Amino acid sequence: MSFSGEVKAELLSVISPDRAGRLAEAAAIFRSEGESAPGTSGKPCISLRSGGTEAVRKGFTLLQKAGIIKKVTAARLSEALSGGLRRIGPENLAEWAAVREALWTSGSGLPEDGGRPPGTEDARRAFLRGCFLCIGSMSDPGREYHLEFVCAEERQAEELTGLLARESLHAKTVLRRSSQVVYLKESEAIADLLTMMGAHRSVMAMENLKIRKEIANQINRQVNCETSNLMKTVAASGRQITDIRYLKEHGGFGSLPEVLRQTAENRLRYPDATLLELGNMAVPPVGKSGVNHRLRKLSETAQELRRQSESL
């Protein structure tokens, strides 16, 4: 299952503690999953879009828990979804008038109603949860941070950005084909929204992935740094060995001071040794700066010998 699917699976089990929150989430579900259509009785009904079956089932459960429809009705409608139910109206829901009134007053109403925005904090967050279940998705945070709502209408996108702004989450909107997409890119904002919607396990999983990503990046930086330093050391050692061999081959080695000859021999014997290791081999031992000074002196002597040979 994708990370987005895991978030939705967790949110399906979250039920608001108060009635206003349950109605607000149900309103978001039926607003997002349905559109206005004429019913057989002449009264408007909701025509459900394809997909979102689990979310719509939760919508019925929320209506039942809010006391709008009976438990047996919620169970019957949920079962009917498996048989291809795609319309909800007076003909298959006796409590239709109560449902319309409750959802309209709870927030954003049904597709054919004007509705009003959820008022309480719990209702706002429940409404966002319902929207995410139906029109939301999220990228795997192990790869990138991106959470979005794909809105069929500009009004719905404006409503979502307004609700998010009330929670101090500043979403952006972009037109993608014929849909308005409201999205968040910052990991902190996404984690805050998941927490508000009740996806606490998903937030922990996201944080664990974030920590692992940071550790992997840190290891990569360290490996790259060590690799770069090793390459520099190998290149410097190669130049030093070339200079020392030139001194030996052109008679400049015997006139060197003992400490320089000792360092030169150690470099030839241990081409991969670090300055610290070469310093520990010296008698008496010297520090890295002392070894570096000796190697630089050897190179300068070799360069001087080369210039003398060229002038002859």
Protein backbone atom coordinates (compact mmCIF):
# COMPACT_ATOMS: atom_id res chain seq x y z
CA MET A 1 0.00 0.00 0.00
CA SER A 2 1.24 3.49 -0.81
CA PHE A 3 1.94 5.99 1.95
CA SER A 4 -1.11 7.98 0.85
CA GLY A 5 -3.22 4.82 1.12
CA GLU A 6 -1.90 4.16 4.62
CA VAL A 7 -2.85 7.70 5.68
CA LYS A 8 -6.39 7.22 4.35
CA ALA A 9 -6.69 3.82 6.01
CA GLU A 10 -5.84 5.45 9.33
CA LEU A 11 -8.22 8.37 8.78
CA LEU A 12 -11.11 6.02 8.00
CA SER A 13 -11.00 4.85 11.63
CA VAL A 14 -10.96 8.37 13.12
CA ILE A 15 -14.36 9.55 14.39
CA SER A 16 -14.86 13.05 15.79
CA PRO A 17 -15.92 13.09 19.46
CA ASP A 18 -18.73 15.61 18.89
CA ARG A 19 -21.71 15.78 16.56
CA ALA A 20 -20.60 18.91 14.73
CA GLY A 21 -17.34 17.27 13.71
CA ARG A 22 -19.11 14.13 12.48
CA LEU A 23 -21.54 16.15 10.38
CA ALA A 24 -18.75 18.34 8.99
CA GLU A 25 -16.77 15.30 7.85
CA ALA A 26 -19.89 13.72 6.34
CA ALA A 27 -20.59 16.99 4.52
CA ALA A 28 -17.07 17.00 3.09
CA ILE A 29 -17.42 13.38 1.95
CA PHE A 30 -20.76 13.78 0.19
CA ARG A 31 -19.73 17.17 -1.22
CA SER A 32 -16.51 15.70 -2.64
CA GLU A 33 -17.88 12.33 -3.78
CA GLY A 34 -21.21 13.51 -5.15
CA GLU A 35 -22.86 15.93 -7.51
CA SER A 36 -26.41 17.13 -7.79
CA ALA A 37 -28.73 15.05 -9.93
CA PRO A 38 -32.52 14.79 -10.36
CA GLY A 39 -34.09 11.91 -8.49
CA THR A 40 -36.97 9.69 -9.59
CA SER A 41 -39.29 11.55 -7.21
CA GLY A 42 -38.42 14.86 -8.79
CA LYS A 43 -36.46 15.95 -5.73
CA PRO A 44 -32.66 16.43 -6.00
CA CYS A 45 -30.38 13.61 -4.97
CA ILE A 46 -26.64 12.98 -4.86
CA SER A 47 -25.10 11.13 -7.79
CA LEU A 48 -21.95 9.46 -6.48
CA ARG A 49 -18.81 9.54 -8.55
CA SER A 50 -16.85 6.35 -9.16
CA GLY A 51 -14.47 5.31 -6.41
CA GLY A 52 -14.37 6.51 -2.82
CA THR A 53 -16.55 3.63 -1.64
CA GLU A 54 -14.86 3.34 1.75
CA ALA A 55 -15.13 7.08 2.31
CA VAL A 56 -18.85 7.09 1.42
CA ARG A 57 -19.42 4.15 3.79
CA LYS A 58 -17.79 6.23 6.50
CA GLY A 59 -20.10 9.09 5.55
CA PHE A 60 -23.13 6.90 6.29
CA THR A 61 -21.56 5.81 9.58
CA LEU A 62 -20.99 9.44 10.56
CA LEU A 63 -24.60 10.32 9.78
CA GLN A 64 -25.72 7.39 11.93
CA LYS A 65 -23.43 8.34 14.83
CA ALA A 66 -24.68 11.94 14.58
CA GLY A 67 -28.24 10.67 15.01
CA ILE A 68 -29.44 11.72 11.54
CA ILE A 69 -30.11 8.27 10.12
CA LYS A 70 -30.73 4.93 11.79
CA LYS A 71 -28.02 2.33 12.21
CA VAL A 72 -29.93 -0.13 10.05
CA THR A 73 -30.20 2.50 7.30
CA ALA A 74 -26.45 3.16 7.37
CA ALA A 75 -25.77 -0.57 7.15
CA ARG A 76 -28.24 -1.01 4.28
CA LEU A 77 -26.78 1.87 2.26
CA SER A 78 -23.22 0.71 2.89
CA GLU A 79 -24.17 -2.75 1.65
CA ALA A 80 -25.91 -1.23 -1.37
CA LEU A 81 -22.66 0.44 -2.42
CA SER A 82 -21.21 -3.01 -3.10
CA GLY A 83 -24.16 -3.70 -5.34
CA GLY A 84 -23.60 -0.59 -7.43
CA LEU A 85 -25.54 2.11 -5.56
CA ARG A 86 -24.64 5.42 -7.17
CA ARG A 87 -27.50 7.68 -6.09
CA ILE A 88 -28.69 8.76 -2.69
CA GLY A 89 -32.01 10.55 -2.39
CA PRO A 90 -35.55 10.36 -1.02
CA GLU A 91 -36.18 7.06 -2.81
CA ASN A 92 -33.49 5.20 -0.87
CA LEU A 93 -33.10 7.34 2.26
CA ALA A 94 -36.23 8.09 4.29
CA GLU A 95 -34.39 10.63 6.44
CA TRP A 96 -33.37 12.67 3.34
CA ALA A 97 -34.79 15.98 4.55
CA ALA A 98 -32.99 15.65 7.89
CA VAL A 99 -29.75 14.77 6.12
CA ARG A 100 -29.94 17.79 3.83
CA GLU A 101 -30.71 20.14 6.70
CA ALA A 102 -27.99 18.72 8.97
CA LEU A 103 -25.26 18.79 6.34
CA TRP A 104 -26.21 22.26 5.13
CA THR A 105 -25.95 23.70 8.65
CA SER A 106 -22.76 21.73 9.47
CA GLY A 107 -20.55 23.03 6.70
CA SER A 108 -20.48 23.35 2.91
CA GLY A 109 -23.66 21.40 2.51
CA LEU A 110 -24.44 19.10 -0.38
CA PRO A 111 -23.29 19.73 -3.96
CA GLU A 112 -26.51 21.57 -4.87
CA ASP A 113 -26.59 23.67 -1.68
CA GLY A 114 -24.70 26.79 -0.75
CA GLY A 115 -23.83 25.58 2.72
CA ARG A 116 -21.78 27.41 5.27
CA PRO A 117 -18.18 26.86 6.48
CA PRO A 118 -17.59 24.70 9.57
CA GLY A 119 -17.40 26.86 12.66
CA THR A 120 -15.59 25.00 15.44
CA GLU A 121 -11.97 23.88 15.29
CA ASP A 122 -12.94 20.21 15.53
CA ALA A 123 -15.50 20.66 12.73
CA ARG A 124 -12.95 22.40 10.48
CA ARG A 125 -10.40 19.65 10.99
CA ALA A 126 -13.01 16.94 10.49
CA PHE A 127 -14.07 18.63 7.26
CA LEU A 128 -10.44 18.61 6.07
CA ARG A 129 -10.23 14.92 6.99
CA GLY A 130 -13.30 14.15 4.87
CA CYS A 131 -11.86 16.11 1.95
CA PHE A 132 -8.56 14.27 2.14
CA LEU A 133 -10.30 10.89 2.18
CA CYS A 134 -12.07 11.74 -1.08
CA ILE A 135 -9.92 14.15 -3.08
CA GLY A 136 -6.59 14.16 -1.24
CA SER A 137 -3.32 12.34 -1.84
CA MET A 138 0.22 12.46 -0.57
CA SER A 139 3.59 11.52 -2.03
CA ASP A 140 5.89 9.10 -0.26
CA PRO A 141 7.85 11.34 2.16
CA GLY A 142 10.85 9.11 1.60
CA ARG A 143 11.11 10.67 -1.87
CA GLU A 144 9.47 14.10 -1.63
CA TYR A 145 7.10 16.18 0.48
CA HIS A 146 3.85 16.88 -1.36
CA LEU A 147 0.23 16.75 -0.19
CA GLU A 148 -2.63 17.87 -2.39
CA PHE A 149 -6.40 18.14 -2.81
CA VAL A 150 -7.74 17.89 -6.38
CA CYS A 151 -10.86 20.09 -6.50
CA ALA A 152 -13.47 19.89 -9.24
CA GLU A 153 -14.56 23.50 -8.64
CA GLU A 154 -12.76 26.76 -7.99
CA ARG A 155 -15.14 27.46 -5.12
CA GLN A 156 -14.10 24.25 -3.39
CA ALA A 157 -10.41 25.14 -3.82
CA GLU A 158 -11.01 28.59 -2.31
CA GLU A 159 -12.93 27.02 0.55
CA LEU A 160 -10.07 24.60 1.28
CA THR A 161 -7.35 27.23 1.15
CA GLY A 162 -9.44 29.37 3.50
CA LEU A 163 -9.90 26.54 6.00
CA LEU A 164 -6.19 25.68 5.84
CA ALA A 165 -5.28 29.34 6.36
CA ARG A 166 -7.40 29.38 9.54
CA GLU A 167 -5.13 26.58 10.77
CA SER A 168 -2.02 28.65 9.84
CA LEU A 169 -1.32 26.39 6.85
CA HIS A 170 -0.69 28.48 3.76
CA ALA A 171 -1.46 26.26 0.78
CA LYS A 172 -0.91 27.14 -2.86
CA THR A 173 -3.24 26.48 -5.80
CA VAL A 174 -2.40 25.47 -9.34
CA LEU A 175 -4.58 24.61 -12.34
CA ARG A 176 -3.96 21.04 -13.53
CA ARG A 177 -5.96 20.22 -16.63
CA SER A 178 -9.54 21.06 -15.60
CA SER A 179 -9.00 20.77 -11.83
CA GLN A 180 -7.90 23.23 -9.18
CA VAL A 181 -5.15 21.59 -7.09
CA VAL A 182 -4.55 22.88 -3.56
CA TYR A 183 -1.18 21.69 -2.28
CA LEU A 184 1.40 21.86 0.52
CA LYS A 185 5.12 21.26 -0.01
CA GLU A 186 6.75 21.93 3.38
CA SER A 187 7.27 18.84 5.56
CA GLU A 188 6.33 20.72 8.76
CA ALA A 189 3.06 21.95 7.26
CA ILE A 190 2.17 18.47 6.00
CA ALA A 191 2.94 16.94 9.40
CA ASP A 192 0.79 19.60 11.09
CA LEU A 193 -2.14 18.87 8.76
CA LEU A 194 -1.87 15.11 9.28
CA THR A 195 -1.87 15.69 13.03
CA MET A 196 -4.93 17.94 12.79
CA MET A 197 -6.79 15.32 10.77
CA GLY A 198 -5.92 12.62 13.30
CA ALA A 199 -3.32 10.62 11.32
CA HIS A 200 -0.91 10.32 14.25
CA ARG A 201 0.65 7.00 13.20
CA SER A 202 1.30 8.41 9.75
CA VAL A 203 3.01 11.45 11.27
CA MET A 204 5.31 9.16 13.27
CA ALA A 205 6.07 7.14 10.14
CA MET A 206 6.77 10.35 8.24
CA GLU A 207 9.11 11.59 10.97
CA ASN A 208 10.95 8.25 10.99
CA LEU A 209 11.40 8.47 7.22
CA LYS A 210 12.60 12.05 7.59
CA ILE A 211 15.17 11.02 10.20
CA ARG A 212 16.38 8.14 8.04
CA LYS A 213 16.64 10.47 5.04
CA GLU A 214 18.65 13.00 7.07
CA ILE A 215 20.97 10.27 8.37
CA ALA A 216 21.45 8.92 4.82
CA ASN A 217 22.23 12.44 3.54
CA GLN A 218 24.67 12.99 6.38
CA ILE A 219 26.40 9.68 5.64
CA ASN A 220 26.59 10.55 1.94
CA ARG A 221 28.08 13.95 2.73
CA GLN A 222 30.63 12.34 5.04
CA VAL A 223 31.52 9.67 2.50
CA ASN A 224 31.85 12.29 -0.25
CA CYS A 225 34.04 14.42 2.00
CA GLU A 226 36.25 11.47 2.95
CA THR A 227 36.46 10.38 -0.69
CA SER A 228 37.47 13.89 -1.73
CA ASN A 229 40.09 14.05 1.01
CA LEU A 230 41.42 10.62 0.04
CA MET A 231 41.70 11.66 -3.60
CA LYS A 232 43.55 14.80 -2.58
CA THR A 233 45.87 12.73 -0.38
CA VAL A 234 46.55 10.24 -3.19
CA ALA A 235 47.22 13.06 -5.67
CA ALA A 236 49.58 14.83 -3.24
CA SER A 237 51.36 11.55 -2.44
CA GLY A 238 51.86 10.90 -6.15
CA ARG A 239 53.45 14.31 -6.68
CA GLN A 240 55.68 13.85 -3.62
CA ILE A 241 56.86 10.40 -4.76
CA THR A 242 57.63 11.78 -8.25
CA ASP A 243 59.77 14.56 -6.72
CA ILE A 244 61.58 12.18 -4.36
CA ARG A 245 62.41 9.76 -7.20
CA TYR A 246 63.67 12.66 -9.31
CA LEU A 247 66.02 13.64 -6.49
CA LYS A 248 67.30 10.07 -6.24
CA GLU A 249 67.76 9.69 -9.98
CA HIS A 250 69.53 13.04 -10.48
CA GLY A 251 71.94 13.03 -7.56
CA GLY A 252 70.09 15.41 -5.29
CA PHE A 253 69.14 12.93 -2.60
CA GLY A 254 72.51 12.39 -0.91
CA SER A 255 72.97 16.06 -0.02
CA LEU A 256 69.65 16.27 1.81
CA PRO A 257 69.54 16.65 5.61
CA GLU A 258 68.90 13.42 7.50
CA VAL A 259 65.36 14.39 8.55
CA LEU A 260 64.39 15.05 4.92
CA ARG A 261 65.89 11.74 3.73
CA GLN A 262 64.07 9.91 6.51
CA THR A 263 60.74 11.46 5.55
CA ALA A 264 61.39 10.78 1.85
CA GLU A 265 62.15 7.10 2.49
CA ASN A 266 59.04 6.70 4.58
CA ARG A 267 56.92 8.31 1.86
CA LEU A 268 58.35 5.93 -0.77
CA ARG A 269 57.81 2.94 1.52
CA TYR A 270 54.27 3.94 2.55
CA PRO A 271 52.68 5.88 -0.34
CA ASP A 272 49.19 5.74 1.19
CA ALA A 273 50.21 6.93 4.66
CA THR A 274 48.66 10.13 6.01
CA LEU A 275 50.73 13.03 7.31
CA LEU A 276 49.91 11.94 10.86
CA GLU A 277 51.12 8.40 10.17
CA LEU A 278 54.32 9.65 8.54
CA GLY A 279 54.92 11.90 11.54
CA ASN A 280 54.61 8.95 13.93
CA MET A 281 57.19 7.02 11.85
CA ALA A 282 59.77 9.80 12.23
CA VAL A 283 62.53 9.56 14.84
CA PRO A 284 61.79 11.52 16.90
CA PRO A 285 58.07 11.76 15.95
CA VAL A 286 56.80 15.06 14.53
CA GLY A 287 53.37 16.54 13.96
CA LYS A 288 51.42 16.87 10.73
CA SER A 289 52.65 20.40 10.11
CA GLY A 290 56.26 19.27 10.53
CA VAL A 291 55.82 16.43 8.02
CA ASN A 292 54.05 18.77 5.61
CA HIS A 293 56.93 21.24 5.87
CA ARG A 294 59.50 18.50 5.11
CA LEU A 295 57.56 17.20 2.10
CA ARG A 296 57.16 20.73 0.78
CA LYS A 297 60.92 21.24 1.20
CA LEU A 298 61.59 18.05 -0.77
CA SER A 299 59.35 19.24 -3.61
CA GLU A 300 61.03 22.68 -3.66
CA THR A 301 64.46 21.02 -3.81
CA ALA A 302 63.32 18.82 -6.72
CA GLN A 303 61.93 21.85 -8.55
CA GLU A 304 65.18 23.73 -8.07
CA LEU A 305 67.15 20.74 -9.39
CA ARG A 306 64.87 20.60 -12.45
CA ARG A 307 65.47 24.28 -13.20
CA GLN A 308 69.22 23.80 -12.92
CA SER A 309 69.08 20.83 -15.31
CA GLU A 310 67.04 22.82 -17.84
CA SER A 311 69.51 25.72 -17.77
CA LEU A 312 72.46 23.52 -18.64
